[in-house]
Amino acid sequence: MKELILTITKALVDQPDQVVVNEKEDDGATVYEIRVAESDMGKVIGKQGRIAKAIRAVVKAAASKEDKKVIVDILD
């Protein structure tokens, strides 16, 4: 799952070397925290959060195949 998030996020940004994805467990769910360069934040979030929603939808669809609960957070 982490590789999927990295692949999607690195394709969106101008500075792919600064993309960091951290994984942690929280109340039975896996939380993925995405950090990108300050200048790339808007590209990952998108207008009205559409890109962020799309990333979350793809990751949740992939996780549902494995019966896992995931949460994707974009940190500044």
C-alpha atoms as a PDB file:
ATOM      1  CA  MET A   1       0.000   0.000   0.000  1.00  0.00           C
ATOM      2  CA  LYS A   2       2.824   2.364   0.868  1.00  0.00           C
ATOM      3  CA  GLU A   3       4.382   1.794  -2.569  1.00  0.00           C
ATOM      4  CA  LEU A   4       1.063   2.614  -4.247  1.00  0.00           C
ATOM      5  CA  ILE A   5       0.819   5.924  -2.381  1.00  0.00           C
ATOM      6  CA  LEU A   6       4.444   6.763  -3.189  1.00  0.00           C
ATOM      7  CA  THR A   7       3.935   6.021  -6.890  1.00  0.00           C
ATOM      8  CA  ILE A   8       0.808   8.150  -7.169  1.00  0.00           C
ATOM      9  CA  THR A   9       2.198  11.059  -5.157  1.00  0.00           C
ATOM     10  CA  LYS A  10       5.594  11.164  -6.893  1.00  0.00           C
ATOM     11  CA  ALA A  11       3.840  11.350 -10.265  1.00  0.00           C
ATOM     12  CA  LEU A  12       1.963  14.479  -9.168  1.00  0.00           C
ATOM     13  CA  VAL A  13       4.753  16.620  -7.717  1.00  0.00           C
ATOM     14  CA  ASP A  14       7.713  18.586  -9.112  1.00  0.00           C
ATOM     15  CA  GLN A  15      10.093  17.376  -6.382  1.00  0.00           C
ATOM     16  CA  PRO A  16       9.511  13.608  -6.082  1.00  0.00           C
ATOM     17  CA  ASP A  17      12.635  13.112  -3.973  1.00  0.00           C
ATOM     18  CA  GLN A  18      10.965  15.015  -1.098  1.00  0.00           C
ATOM     19  CA  VAL A  19       7.900  12.757  -0.919  1.00  0.00           C
ATOM     20  CA  VAL A  20       7.801  10.811   2.349  1.00  0.00           C
ATOM     21  CA  VAL A  21       5.110   8.339   3.382  1.00  0.00           C
ATOM     22  CA  ASN A  22       4.975   7.150   6.998  1.00  0.00           C
ATOM     23  CA  GLU A  23       2.891   4.191   8.088  1.00  0.00           C
ATOM     24  CA  LYS A  24       1.487   3.623  11.577  1.00  0.00           C
ATOM     25  CA  GLU A  25      -1.276   1.670  13.269  1.00  0.00           C
ATOM     26  CA  ASP A  26      -4.132   3.438  15.043  1.00  0.00           C
ATOM     27  CA  ASP A  27      -7.205   1.698  16.513  1.00  0.00           C
ATOM     28  CA  GLY A  28      -7.147  -1.197  14.049  1.00  0.00           C
ATOM     29  CA  ALA A  29      -6.607   1.044  11.033  1.00  0.00           C
ATOM     30  CA  THR A  30      -3.410   1.723   9.149  1.00  0.00           C
ATOM     31  CA  VAL A  31      -2.664   5.433   8.874  1.00  0.00           C
ATOM     32  CA  TYR A  32      -0.502   6.678   6.013  1.00  0.00           C
ATOM     33  CA  GLU A  33       0.927  10.163   6.421  1.00  0.00           C
ATOM     34  CA  ILE A  34       2.098  11.889   3.245  1.00  0.00           C
ATOM     35  CA  ARG A  35       4.626  14.721   3.381  1.00  0.00           C
ATOM     36  CA  VAL A  36       5.645  16.690   0.298  1.00  0.00           C
ATOM     37  CA  ALA A  37       7.605  19.864  -0.386  1.00  0.00           C
ATOM     38  CA  GLU A  38       5.783  23.067   0.535  1.00  0.00           C
ATOM     39  CA  SER A  39       5.606  24.134  -3.110  1.00  0.00           C
ATOM     40  CA  ASP A  40       3.962  20.819  -4.103  1.00  0.00           C
ATOM     41  CA  MET A  41       1.239  20.846  -1.459  1.00  0.00           C
ATOM     42  CA  GLY A  42      -1.356  22.368  -3.790  1.00  0.00           C
ATOM     43  CA  LYS A  43      -0.688  19.753  -6.452  1.00  0.00           C
ATOM     44  CA  VAL A  44      -1.334  16.900  -4.038  1.00  0.00           C
ATOM     45  CA  ILE A  45      -4.485  18.462  -2.575  1.00  0.00           C
ATOM     46  CA  GLY A  46      -5.920  19.828  -5.837  1.00  0.00           C
ATOM     47  CA  LYS A  47      -8.777  22.245  -6.338  1.00  0.00           C
ATOM     48  CA  GLN A  48     -11.351  21.803  -3.577  1.00  0.00           C
ATOM     49  CA  GLY A  49      -9.431  18.698  -2.432  1.00  0.00           C
ATOM     50  CA  ARG A  50     -10.294  16.633  -5.499  1.00  0.00           C
ATOM     51  CA  ILE A  51      -6.836  15.104  -5.958  1.00  0.00           C
ATOM     52  CA  ALA A  52      -6.629  14.225  -2.260  1.00  0.00           C
ATOM     53  CA  LYS A  53     -10.072  12.595  -2.431  1.00  0.00           C
ATOM     54  CA  ALA A  54      -9.010  10.625  -5.502  1.00  0.00           C
ATOM     55  CA  ILE A  55      -5.841   9.376  -3.778  1.00  0.00           C
ATOM     56  CA  ARG A  56      -7.892   8.304  -0.765  1.00  0.00           C
ATOM     57  CA  ALA A  57     -10.441   6.545  -2.987  1.00  0.00           C
ATOM     58  CA  VAL A  58      -7.780   4.557  -4.850  1.00  0.00           C
ATOM     59  CA  VAL A  59      -6.017   3.531  -1.643  1.00  0.00           C
ATOM     60  CA  LYS A  60      -9.273   2.525   0.058  1.00  0.00           C
ATOM     61  CA  ALA A  61     -10.264   0.472  -2.992  1.00  0.00           C
ATOM     62  CA  ALA A  62      -6.924  -1.337  -2.908  1.00  0.00           C
ATOM     63  CA  ALA A  63      -7.238  -1.889   0.850  1.00  0.00           C
ATOM     64  CA  SER A  64     -10.760  -3.275   0.553  1.00  0.00           C
ATOM     65  CA  LYS A  65      -9.378  -6.179  -1.472  1.00  0.00           C
ATOM     66  CA  GLU A  66      -7.327  -7.126   1.595  1.00  0.00           C
ATOM     67  CA  ASP A  67     -10.110  -6.323   4.097  1.00  0.00           C
ATOM     68  CA  LYS A  68      -8.021  -3.600   5.727  1.00  0.00           C
ATOM     69  CA  LYS A  69      -9.038  -0.174   6.948  1.00  0.00           C
ATOM     70  CA  VAL A  70      -6.764   2.650   5.864  1.00  0.00           C
ATOM     71  CA  ILE A  71      -6.608   6.379   6.502  1.00  0.00           C
ATOM     72  CA  VAL A  72      -4.584   8.724   4.291  1.00  0.00           C
ATOM     73  CA  ASP A  73      -3.455  12.040   5.790  1.00  0.00           C
ATOM     74  CA  ILE A  74      -1.621  14.778   3.935  1.00  0.00           C
ATOM     75  CA  LEU A  75       0.586  16.678   6.353  1.00  0.00           C
ATOM     76  CA  ASP A  76       2.084  20.115   5.871  1.00  0.00           C
END
